[in-house]
Structure formats: C-alpha cells, structure tokens
Amino acid sequence: NPTGTFVIGGPDGDAGLTGRKIIVDTYGGAAPHGGGAFSGKDP
C-alpha cells in the first residue's frame, strides 16, 4: 500500500470494464498477446 490508505476500492474507486486485463489473464507480458479479451465470449 505505497500510497498509504486504501479503504475506498472496487468499482466505487475506479470504473471497471470487461476485458481490460488481458496481460494479467495470460502470461504477464512474458509472451505476445493478440489483443483479444476472453470473458463474456462463448467458445
């Protein structure tokens, strides 16, 4: 918690959107990514 206090969080602190964490979802930047998100999509 380098900024100190972190009581206000989640969508009340920052807006959220599906598909904005594609590097977290995959390999953390250790491999290329094609750019397409996963969640909410059928196979």
All heavy atoms as atom14 arrays in JSON, in Angstrom:
{
  "sequence": "NPTGTFVIGGPDGDAGLTGRKIIVDTYGGAAPHGGGAFSGKDP",
  "atom14_mask": [
    [1, 1, 1, 1, 1, 1, 1, 1, 0, 0, 0, 0, 0, 0],
    [1, 1, 1, 1, 1, 1, 1, 0, 0, 0, 0, 0, 0, 0],
    [1, 1, 1, 1, 1, 1, 1, 0, 0, 0, 0, 0, 0, 0],
    [1, 1, 1, 1, 0, 0, 0, 0, 0, 0, 0, 0, 0, 0],
    [1, 1, 1, 1, 1, 1, 1, 0, 0, 0, 0, 0, 0, 0],
    [1, 1, 1, 1, 1, 1, 1, 1, 1, 1, 1, 0, 0, 0],
    [1, 1, 1, 1, 1, 1, 1, 0, 0, 0, 0, 0, 0, 0],
    [1, 1, 1, 1, 1, 1, 1, 1, 0, 0, 0, 0, 0, 0],
    [1, 1, 1, 1, 0, 0, 0, 0, 0, 0, 0, 0, 0, 0],
    [1, 1, 1, 1, 0, 0, 0, 0, 0, 0, 0, 0, 0, 0],
    [1, 1, 1, 1, 1, 1, 1, 0, 0, 0, 0, 0, 0, 0],
    [1, 1, 1, 1, 1, 1, 1, 1, 0, 0, 0, 0, 0, 0],
    [1, 1, 1, 1, 0, 0, 0, 0, 0, 0, 0, 0, 0, 0],
    [1, 1, 1, 1, 1, 1, 1, 1, 0, 0, 0, 0, 0, 0],
    [1, 1, 1, 1, 1, 0, 0, 0, 0, 0, 0, 0, 0, 0],
    [1, 1, 1, 1, 0, 0, 0, 0, 0, 0, 0, 0, 0, 0],
    [1, 1, 1, 1, 1, 1, 1, 1, 0, 0, 0, 0, 0, 0],
    [1, 1, 1, 1, 1, 1, 1, 0, 0, 0, 0, 0, 0, 0],
    [1, 1, 1, 1, 0, 0, 0, 0, 0, 0, 0, 0, 0, 0],
    [1, 1, 1, 1, 1, 1, 1, 1, 1, 1, 1, 0, 0, 0],
    [1, 1, 1, 1, 1, 1, 1, 1, 1, 0, 0, 0, 0, 0],
    [1, 1, 1, 1, 1, 1, 1, 1, 0, 0, 0, 0, 0, 0],
    [1, 1, 1, 1, 1, 1, 1, 1, 0, 0, 0, 0, 0, 0],
    [1, 1, 1, 1, 1, 1, 1, 0, 0, 0, 0, 0, 0, 0],
    [1, 1, 1, 1, 1, 1, 1, 1, 0, 0, 0, 0, 0, 0],
    [1, 1, 1, 1, 1, 1, 1, 0, 0, 0, 0, 0, 0, 0],
    [1, 1, 1, 1, 1, 1, 1, 1, 1, 1, 1, 1, 0, 0],
    [1, 1, 1, 1, 0, 0, 0, 0, 0, 0, 0, 0, 0, 0],
    [1, 1, 1, 1, 0, 0, 0, 0, 0, 0, 0, 0, 0, 0],
    [1, 1, 1, 1, 1, 0, 0, 0, 0, 0, 0, 0, 0, 0],
    [1, 1, 1, 1, 1, 0, 0, 0, 0, 0, 0, 0, 0, 0],
    [1, 1, 1, 1, 1, 1, 1, 0, 0, 0, 0, 0, 0, 0],
    [1, 1, 1, 1, 1, 1, 1, 1, 1, 1, 0, 0, 0, 0],
    [1, 1, 1, 1, 0, 0, 0, 0, 0, 0, 0, 0, 0, 0],
    [1, 1, 1, 1, 0, 0, 0, 0, 0, 0, 0, 0, 0, 0],
    [1, 1, 1, 1, 0, 0, 0, 0, 0, 0, 0, 0, 0, 0],
    [1, 1, 1, 1, 1, 0, 0, 0, 0, 0, 0, 0, 0, 0],
    [1, 1, 1, 1, 1, 1, 1, 1, 1, 1, 1, 0, 0, 0],
    [1, 1, 1, 1, 1, 1, 0, 0, 0, 0, 0, 0, 0, 0],
    [1, 1, 1, 1, 0, 0, 0, 0, 0, 0, 0, 0, 0, 0],
    [1, 1, 1, 1, 1, 1, 1, 1, 1, 0, 0, 0, 0, 0],
    [1, 1, 1, 1, 1, 1, 1, 1, 0, 0, 0, 0, 0, 0],
    [1, 1, 1, 1, 1, 1, 1, 0, 0, 0, 0, 0, 0, 0]
  ],
  "atom14_positions": [
    [[0.83, -1.21, 0.0], [0.0, 0.0, 0.0], [0.86, 1.26, 0.0], [0.81, 2.08, 0.93], [-0.95, 0.01, 1.19], [-2.13, -0.93, 1.0], [-2.11, -1.79, 0.12], [-3.16, -0.78, 1.82], [0.0, 0.0, 0.0], [0.0, 0.0, 0.0], [0.0, 0.0, 0.0], [0.0, 0.0, 0.0], [0.0, 0.0, 0.0], [0.0, 0.0, 0.0]],
    [[1.68, 1.45, -1.04], [2.62, 2.58, -1.06], [1.96, 3.94, -0.92], [2.6, 4.89, -0.45], [3.31, 2.44, -2.42], [3.1, 1.03, -2.83], [1.81, 0.61, -2.24], [0.0, 0.0, 0.0], [0.0, 0.0, 0.0], [0.0, 0.0, 0.0], [0.0, 0.0, 0.0], [0.0, 0.0, 0.0], [0.0, 0.0, 0.0], [0.0, 0.0, 0.0]],
    [[0.68, 4.06, -1.31], [0.01, 5.36, -1.18], [-0.52, 5.61, 0.22], [-0.98, 6.72, 0.52], [-1.15, 5.48, -2.18], [-2.12, 4.47, -1.9], [-0.67, 5.33, -3.61], [0.0, 0.0, 0.0], [0.0, 0.0, 0.0], [0.0, 0.0, 0.0], [0.0, 0.0, 0.0], [0.0, 0.0, 0.0], [0.0, 0.0, 0.0], [0.0, 0.0, 0.0]],
    [[-0.49, 4.59, 1.07], [-0.99, 4.75, 2.43], [-2.35, 4.1, 2.62], [-2.45, 2.89, 2.72], [0.0, 0.0, 0.0], [0.0, 0.0, 0.0], [0.0, 0.0, 0.0], [0.0, 0.0, 0.0], [0.0, 0.0, 0.0], [0.0, 0.0, 0.0], [0.0, 0.0, 0.0], [0.0, 0.0, 0.0], [0.0, 0.0, 0.0], [0.0, 0.0, 0.0]],
    [[-3.41, 4.88, 2.63], [-4.76, 4.37, 2.9], [-5.42, 3.88, 1.62], [-5.33, 4.5, 0.57], [-5.62, 5.49, 3.51], [-4.99, 5.97, 4.69], [-7.01, 4.97, 3.86], [0.0, 0.0, 0.0], [0.0, 0.0, 0.0], [0.0, 0.0, 0.0], [0.0, 0.0, 0.0], [0.0, 0.0, 0.0], [0.0, 0.0, 0.0], [0.0, 0.0, 0.0]],
    [[-6.1, 2.73, 1.72], [-6.81, 2.13, 0.59], [-8.11, 1.52, 1.12], [-8.27, 0.31, 1.13], [-5.91, 1.09, -0.09], [-6.46, 0.47, -1.35], [-7.63, 0.91, -1.95], [-5.77, -0.57, -1.96], [-8.12, 0.32, -3.11], [-6.23, -1.18, -3.12], [-7.4, -0.73, -3.69], [0.0, 0.0, 0.0], [0.0, 0.0, 0.0], [0.0, 0.0, 0.0]],
    [[-9.01, 2.38, 1.58], [-10.29, 1.92, 2.1], [-11.35, 1.95, 0.99], [-12.14, 1.02, 0.86], [-10.74, 2.79, 3.3], [-12.16, 2.41, 3.73], [-9.76, 2.62, 4.46], [0.0, 0.0, 0.0], [0.0, 0.0, 0.0], [0.0, 0.0, 0.0], [0.0, 0.0, 0.0], [0.0, 0.0, 0.0], [0.0, 0.0, 0.0], [0.0, 0.0, 0.0]],
    [[-11.37, 3.02, 0.2], [-12.3, 3.12, -0.92], [-11.72, 2.34, -2.09], [-10.64, 2.68, -2.59], [-12.54, 4.59, -1.32], [-13.12, 5.37, -0.16], [-13.46, 4.67, -2.53], [-13.16, 6.87, -0.4], [0.0, 0.0, 0.0], [0.0, 0.0, 0.0], [0.0, 0.0, 0.0], [0.0, 0.0, 0.0], [0.0, 0.0, 0.0], [0.0, 0.0, 0.0]],
    [[-12.39, 1.29, -2.5], [-11.85, 0.45, -3.57], [-12.95, -0.12, -4.44], [-14.12, 0.24, -4.32], [0.0, 0.0, 0.0], [0.0, 0.0, 0.0], [0.0, 0.0, 0.0], [0.0, 0.0, 0.0], [0.0, 0.0, 0.0], [0.0, 0.0, 0.0], [0.0, 0.0, 0.0], [0.0, 0.0, 0.0], [0.0, 0.0, 0.0], [0.0, 0.0, 0.0]],
    [[-12.56, -1.03, -5.3], [-13.51, -1.65, -6.21], [-14.12, -0.64, -7.16], [-13.56, 0.44, -7.4], [0.0, 0.0, 0.0], [0.0, 0.0, 0.0], [0.0, 0.0, 0.0], [0.0, 0.0, 0.0], [0.0, 0.0, 0.0], [0.0, 0.0, 0.0], [0.0, 0.0, 0.0], [0.0, 0.0, 0.0], [0.0, 0.0, 0.0], [0.0, 0.0, 0.0]],
    [[-15.29, -0.93, -7.72], [-15.91, -0.02, -8.68], [-16.28, 1.34, -8.1], [-16.53, 2.28, -8.87], [-17.16, -0.8, -9.12], [-16.79, -2.24, -8.92], [-15.97, -2.24, -7.68], [0.0, 0.0, 0.0], [0.0, 0.0, 0.0], [0.0, 0.0, 0.0], [0.0, 0.0, 0.0], [0.0, 0.0, 0.0], [0.0, 0.0, 0.0], [0.0, 0.0, 0.0]],
    [[-16.32, 1.46, -6.79], [-16.57, 2.77, -6.19], [-15.34, 3.67, -6.29], [-15.44, 4.89, -6.27], [-16.98, 2.6, -4.72], [-17.44, 3.92, -4.09], [-18.0, 4.77, -4.81], [-17.24, 4.08, -2.87], [0.0, 0.0, 0.0], [0.0, 0.0, 0.0], [0.0, 0.0, 0.0], [0.0, 0.0, 0.0], [0.0, 0.0, 0.0], [0.0, 0.0, 0.0]],
    [[-14.16, 3.04, -6.39], [-12.93, 3.81, -6.51], [-12.54, 4.07, -7.95], [-12.05, 5.13, -8.31], [0.0, 0.0, 0.0], [0.0, 0.0, 0.0], [0.0, 0.0, 0.0], [0.0, 0.0, 0.0], [0.0, 0.0, 0.0], [0.0, 0.0, 0.0], [0.0, 0.0, 0.0], [0.0, 0.0, 0.0], [0.0, 0.0, 0.0], [0.0, 0.0, 0.0]],
    [[-12.74, 3.06, -8.81], [-12.42, 3.16, -10.23], [-13.48, 2.39, -11.02], [-13.86, 1.28, -10.62], [-11.05, 2.56, -10.55], [-9.91, 3.39, -10.0], [-9.68, 4.48, -10.55], [-9.27, 2.94, -9.04], [0.0, 0.0, 0.0], [0.0, 0.0, 0.0], [0.0, 0.0, 0.0], [0.0, 0.0, 0.0], [0.0, 0.0, 0.0], [0.0, 0.0, 0.0]],
    [[-13.89, 2.92, -12.15], [-14.82, 2.2, -13.01], [-14.14, 0.95, -13.57], [-12.93, 0.92, -13.78], [-15.29, 3.1, -14.15], [0.0, 0.0, 0.0], [0.0, 0.0, 0.0], [0.0, 0.0, 0.0], [0.0, 0.0, 0.0], [0.0, 0.0, 0.0], [0.0, 0.0, 0.0], [0.0, 0.0, 0.0], [0.0, 0.0, 0.0], [0.0, 0.0, 0.0]],
    [[-14.94, -0.08, -13.81], [-14.42, -1.32, -14.37], [-15.07, -1.66, -15.69], [-16.21, -1.28, -15.94], [0.0, 0.0, 0.0], [0.0, 0.0, 0.0], [0.0, 0.0, 0.0], [0.0, 0.0, 0.0], [0.0, 0.0, 0.0], [0.0, 0.0, 0.0], [0.0, 0.0, 0.0], [0.0, 0.0, 0.0], [0.0, 0.0, 0.0], [0.0, 0.0, 0.0]],
    [[-14.34, -2.39, -16.53], [-14.84, -2.86, -17.81], [-14.36, -4.29, -18.06], [-13.24, -4.65, -17.69], [-14.34, -1.98, -18.96], [-14.9, -0.56, -19.07], [-14.1, 0.23, -20.11], [-16.38, -0.61, -19.46], [0.0, 0.0, 0.0], [0.0, 0.0, 0.0], [0.0, 0.0, 0.0], [0.0, 0.0, 0.0], [0.0, 0.0, 0.0], [0.0, 0.0, 0.0]],
    [[-15.2, -5.08, -18.72], [-14.79, -6.41, -19.14], [-13.6, -6.32, -20.1], [-13.55, -5.44, -20.96], [-15.96, -7.12, -19.85], [-17.06, -7.21, -18.96], [-15.57, -8.51, -20.31], [0.0, 0.0, 0.0], [0.0, 0.0, 0.0], [0.0, 0.0, 0.0], [0.0, 0.0, 0.0], [0.0, 0.0, 0.0], [0.0, 0.0, 0.0], [0.0, 0.0, 0.0]],
    [[-12.65, -7.22, -19.94], [-11.62, -7.4, -20.95], [-10.46, -6.44, -20.89], [-9.7, -6.33, -21.86], [0.0, 0.0, 0.0], [0.0, 0.0, 0.0], [0.0, 0.0, 0.0], [0.0, 0.0, 0.0], [0.0, 0.0, 0.0], [0.0, 0.0, 0.0], [0.0, 0.0, 0.0], [0.0, 0.0, 0.0], [0.0, 0.0, 0.0], [0.0, 0.0, 0.0]],
    [[-10.26, -5.74, -19.78], [-9.16, -4.77, -19.71], [-7.91, -5.34, -19.02], [-6.95, -4.61, -18.83], [-9.6, -3.5, -18.98], [-10.47, -2.61, -19.83], [-10.4, -1.17, -19.37], [-10.82, -0.99, -17.99], [-11.13, 0.19, -17.47], [-11.05, 1.28, -18.21], [-11.52, 0.29, -16.2], [0.0, 0.0, 0.0], [0.0, 0.0, 0.0], [0.0, 0.0, 0.0]],
    [[-7.92, -6.61, -18.67], [-6.75, -7.19, -18.0], [-6.23, -8.4, -18.78], [-6.01, -9.48, -18.25], [-7.12, -7.57, -16.56], [-7.32, -6.37, -15.66], [-6.02, -5.62, -15.45], [-6.18, -4.34, -14.63], [-6.75, -3.24, -15.45], [0.0, 0.0, 0.0], [0.0, 0.0, 0.0], [0.0, 0.0, 0.0], [0.0, 0.0, 0.0], [0.0, 0.0, 0.0]],
    [[-6.0, -8.18, -20.09], [-5.64, -9.3, -20.95], [-4.23, -9.83, -20.68], [-3.97, -11.01, -20.9], [-5.81, -8.94, -22.44], [-4.96, -7.73, -22.83], [-7.29, -8.68, -22.76], [-5.01, -7.39, -24.31], [0.0, 0.0, 0.0], [0.0, 0.0, 0.0], [0.0, 0.0, 0.0], [0.0, 0.0, 0.0], [0.0, 0.0, 0.0], [0.0, 0.0, 0.0]],
    [[-3.33, -8.99, -20.19], [-1.98, -9.47, -19.88], [-1.99, -10.22, -18.55], [-1.34, -11.26, -18.4], [-0.98, -8.31, -19.87], [-0.97, -7.61, -21.23], [0.41, -8.8, -19.5], [-0.63, -8.52, -22.4], [0.0, 0.0, 0.0], [0.0, 0.0, 0.0], [0.0, 0.0, 0.0], [0.0, 0.0, 0.0], [0.0, 0.0, 0.0], [0.0, 0.0, 0.0]],
    [[-2.76, -9.72, -17.6], [-2.96, -10.45, -16.34], [-3.59, -11.81, -16.61], [-3.23, -12.81, -15.99], [-3.85, -9.63, -15.38], [-4.29, -10.46, -14.19], [-3.12, -8.37, -14.92], [0.0, 0.0, 0.0], [0.0, 0.0, 0.0], [0.0, 0.0, 0.0], [0.0, 0.0, 0.0], [0.0, 0.0, 0.0], [0.0, 0.0, 0.0], [0.0, 0.0, 0.0]],
    [[-4.52, -11.87, -17.55], [-5.23, -13.11, -17.85], [-4.34, -14.16, -18.49], [-4.68, -15.35, -18.47], [-6.39, -12.83, -18.81], [-7.58, -12.18, -18.13], [-7.68, -12.24, -16.89], [-8.44, -11.62, -18.86], [0.0, 0.0, 0.0], [0.0, 0.0, 0.0], [0.0, 0.0, 0.0], [0.0, 0.0, 0.0], [0.0, 0.0, 0.0], [0.0, 0.0, 0.0]],
    [[-3.21, -13.74, -19.08], [-2.41, -14.68, -19.87], [-1.04, -14.94, -19.24], [-0.95, -15.72, -18.3], [-2.32, -14.18, -21.32], [-1.86, -12.8, -21.33], [-3.69, -14.23, -22.0], [0.0, 0.0, 0.0], [0.0, 0.0, 0.0], [0.0, 0.0, 0.0], [0.0, 0.0, 0.0], [0.0, 0.0, 0.0], [0.0, 0.0, 0.0], [0.0, 0.0, 0.0]],
    [[0.0, -14.26, -19.72], [1.36, -14.63, -19.33], [2.14, -13.5, -18.67], [3.36, -13.56, -18.56], [2.12, -15.15, -20.57], [1.35, -16.24, -21.27], [0.64, -15.97, -22.45], [1.28, -17.53, -20.76], [-0.1, -16.95, -23.09], [0.55, -18.52, -21.38], [-0.15, -18.23, -22.55], [-0.88, -19.2, -23.17], [0.0, 0.0, 0.0], [0.0, 0.0, 0.0]],
    [[1.45, -12.46, -18.26], [2.1, -11.38, -17.54], [3.12, -10.61, -18.36], [4.03, -10.0, -17.8], [0.0, 0.0, 0.0], [0.0, 0.0, 0.0], [0.0, 0.0, 0.0], [0.0, 0.0, 0.0], [0.0, 0.0, 0.0], [0.0, 0.0, 0.0], [0.0, 0.0, 0.0], [0.0, 0.0, 0.0], [0.0, 0.0, 0.0], [0.0, 0.0, 0.0]],
    [[2.96, -10.63, -19.68], [3.89, -9.92, -20.54], [5.09, -10.74, -20.99], [5.9, -10.26, -21.77], [0.0, 0.0, 0.0], [0.0, 0.0, 0.0], [0.0, 0.0, 0.0], [0.0, 0.0, 0.0], [0.0, 0.0, 0.0], [0.0, 0.0, 0.0], [0.0, 0.0, 0.0], [0.0, 0.0, 0.0], [0.0, 0.0, 0.0], [0.0, 0.0, 0.0]],
    [[5.18, -11.98, -20.54], [6.31, -12.83, -20.92], [6.16, -13.41, -22.31], [7.1, -14.01, -22.84], [6.47, -13.96, -19.9], [0.0, 0.0, 0.0], [0.0, 0.0, 0.0], [0.0, 0.0, 0.0], [0.0, 0.0, 0.0], [0.0, 0.0, 0.0], [0.0, 0.0, 0.0], [0.0, 0.0, 0.0], [0.0, 0.0, 0.0], [0.0, 0.0, 0.0]],
    [[4.99, -13.26, -22.92], [4.73, -13.78, -24.26], [3.87, -12.77, -25.0], [3.22, -11.93, -24.39], [4.02, -15.13, -24.18], [0.0, 0.0, 0.0], [0.0, 0.0, 0.0], [0.0, 0.0, 0.0], [0.0, 0.0, 0.0], [0.0, 0.0, 0.0], [0.0, 0.0, 0.0], [0.0, 0.0, 0.0], [0.0, 0.0, 0.0], [0.0, 0.0, 0.0]],
    [[3.84, -12.85, -26.33], [2.99, -11.93, -27.09], [1.51, -12.15, -26.79], [1.1, -13.21, -26.29], [3.3, -12.27, -28.55], [4.58, -13.05, -28.52], [4.61, -13.74, -27.2], [0.0, 0.0, 0.0], [0.0, 0.0, 0.0], [0.0, 0.0, 0.0], [0.0, 0.0, 0.0], [0.0, 0.0, 0.0], [0.0, 0.0, 0.0], [0.0, 0.0, 0.0]],
    [[0.7, -11.16, -27.13], [-0.75, -11.25, -26.98], [-1.4, -10.69, -28.24], [-0.99, -9.65, -28.74], [-1.22, -10.45, -25.76], [-2.61, -10.79, -25.31], [-3.74, -10.55, -26.09], [-3.07, -11.36, -24.17], [-4.81, -10.95, -25.45], [-4.43, -11.45, -24.28], [0.0, 0.0, 0.0], [0.0, 0.0, 0.0], [0.0, 0.0, 0.0], [0.0, 0.0, 0.0]],
    [[-2.41, -11.38, -28.73], [-3.07, -10.96, -29.95], [-4.02, -9.79, -29.77], [-4.48, -9.21, -30.76], [0.0, 0.0, 0.0], [0.0, 0.0, 0.0], [0.0, 0.0, 0.0], [0.0, 0.0, 0.0], [0.0, 0.0, 0.0], [0.0, 0.0, 0.0], [0.0, 0.0, 0.0], [0.0, 0.0, 0.0], [0.0, 0.0, 0.0], [0.0, 0.0, 0.0]],
    [[-4.36, -9.46, -28.53], [-5.19, -8.29, -28.26], [-6.63, -8.59, -27.92], [-7.34, -7.71, -27.42], [0.0, 0.0, 0.0], [0.0, 0.0, 0.0], [0.0, 0.0, 0.0], [0.0, 0.0, 0.0], [0.0, 0.0, 0.0], [0.0, 0.0, 0.0], [0.0, 0.0, 0.0], [0.0, 0.0, 0.0], [0.0, 0.0, 0.0], [0.0, 0.0, 0.0]],
    [[-7.1, -9.8, -28.16], [-8.49, -10.13, -27.88], [-8.69, -10.57, -26.45], [-7.9, -11.35, -25.9], [0.0, 0.0, 0.0], [0.0, 0.0, 0.0], [0.0, 0.0, 0.0], [0.0, 0.0, 0.0], [0.0, 0.0, 0.0], [0.0, 0.0, 0.0], [0.0, 0.0, 0.0], [0.0, 0.0, 0.0], [0.0, 0.0, 0.0], [0.0, 0.0, 0.0]],
    [[-9.76, -10.07, -25.82], [-10.1, -10.47, -24.45], [-10.9, -11.76, -24.47], [-11.37, -12.23, -25.51], [-10.87, -9.36, -23.77], [0.0, 0.0, 0.0], [0.0, 0.0, 0.0], [0.0, 0.0, 0.0], [0.0, 0.0, 0.0], [0.0, 0.0, 0.0], [0.0, 0.0, 0.0], [0.0, 0.0, 0.0], [0.0, 0.0, 0.0], [0.0, 0.0, 0.0]],
    [[-11.09, -12.35, -23.27], [-11.74, -13.65, -23.15], [-13.15, -13.57, -22.56], [-14.09, -14.18, -23.09], [-10.9, -14.57, -22.25], [-9.51, -14.83, -22.72], [-8.52, -15.19, -21.81], [-9.15, -14.73, -24.06], [-7.22, -15.44, -22.22], [-7.86, -14.98, -24.49], [-6.88, -15.34, -23.55], [0.0, 0.0, 0.0], [0.0, 0.0, 0.0], [0.0, 0.0, 0.0]],
    [[-13.31, -12.89, -21.46], [-14.51, -13.03, -20.65], [-15.77, -12.55, -21.37], [-15.75, -11.58, -22.13], [-14.36, -12.29, -19.32], [-13.41, -12.94, -18.5], [0.0, 0.0, 0.0], [0.0, 0.0, 0.0], [0.0, 0.0, 0.0], [0.0, 0.0, 0.0], [0.0, 0.0, 0.0], [0.0, 0.0, 0.0], [0.0, 0.0, 0.0], [0.0, 0.0, 0.0]],
    [[-16.86, -13.27, -21.12], [-18.14, -12.94, -21.71], [-18.34, -13.49, -23.11], [-19.4, -13.28, -23.71], [0.0, 0.0, 0.0], [0.0, 0.0, 0.0], [0.0, 0.0, 0.0], [0.0, 0.0, 0.0], [0.0, 0.0, 0.0], [0.0, 0.0, 0.0], [0.0, 0.0, 0.0], [0.0, 0.0, 0.0], [0.0, 0.0, 0.0], [0.0, 0.0, 0.0]],
    [[-17.34, -14.2, -23.65], [-17.41, -14.7, -25.03], [-17.57, -16.21, -25.04], [-16.82, -16.93, -24.38], [-16.14, -14.32, -25.79], [-15.93, -12.83, -25.93], [-14.61, -12.53, -26.64], [-14.39, -11.03, -26.78], [-13.09, -10.72, -27.41], [0.0, 0.0, 0.0], [0.0, 0.0, 0.0], [0.0, 0.0, 0.0], [0.0, 0.0, 0.0], [0.0, 0.0, 0.0]],
    [[-18.55, -16.68, -25.83], [-18.72, -18.13, -25.98], [-17.57, -18.69, -26.82], [-16.85, -17.94, -27.49], [-20.08, -18.44, -26.61], [-20.11, -18.16, -28.1], [-19.54, -18.96, -28.87], [-20.7, -17.13, -28.5], [0.0, 0.0, 0.0], [0.0, 0.0, 0.0], [0.0, 0.0, 0.0], [0.0, 0.0, 0.0], [0.0, 0.0, 0.0], [0.0, 0.0, 0.0]],
    [[-17.36, -20.03, -26.8], [-16.17, -20.59, -27.43], [-16.17, -20.62, -28.96], [-15.17, -21.1, -29.54], [-16.09, -22.01, -26.85], [-17.47, -22.32, -26.41], [-18.07, -21.02, -25.97], [0.0, 0.0, 0.0], [0.0, 0.0, 0.0], [0.0, 0.0, 0.0], [0.0, 0.0, 0.0], [0.0, 0.0, 0.0], [0.0, 0.0, 0.0], [0.0, 0.0, 0.0]]
  ]
}
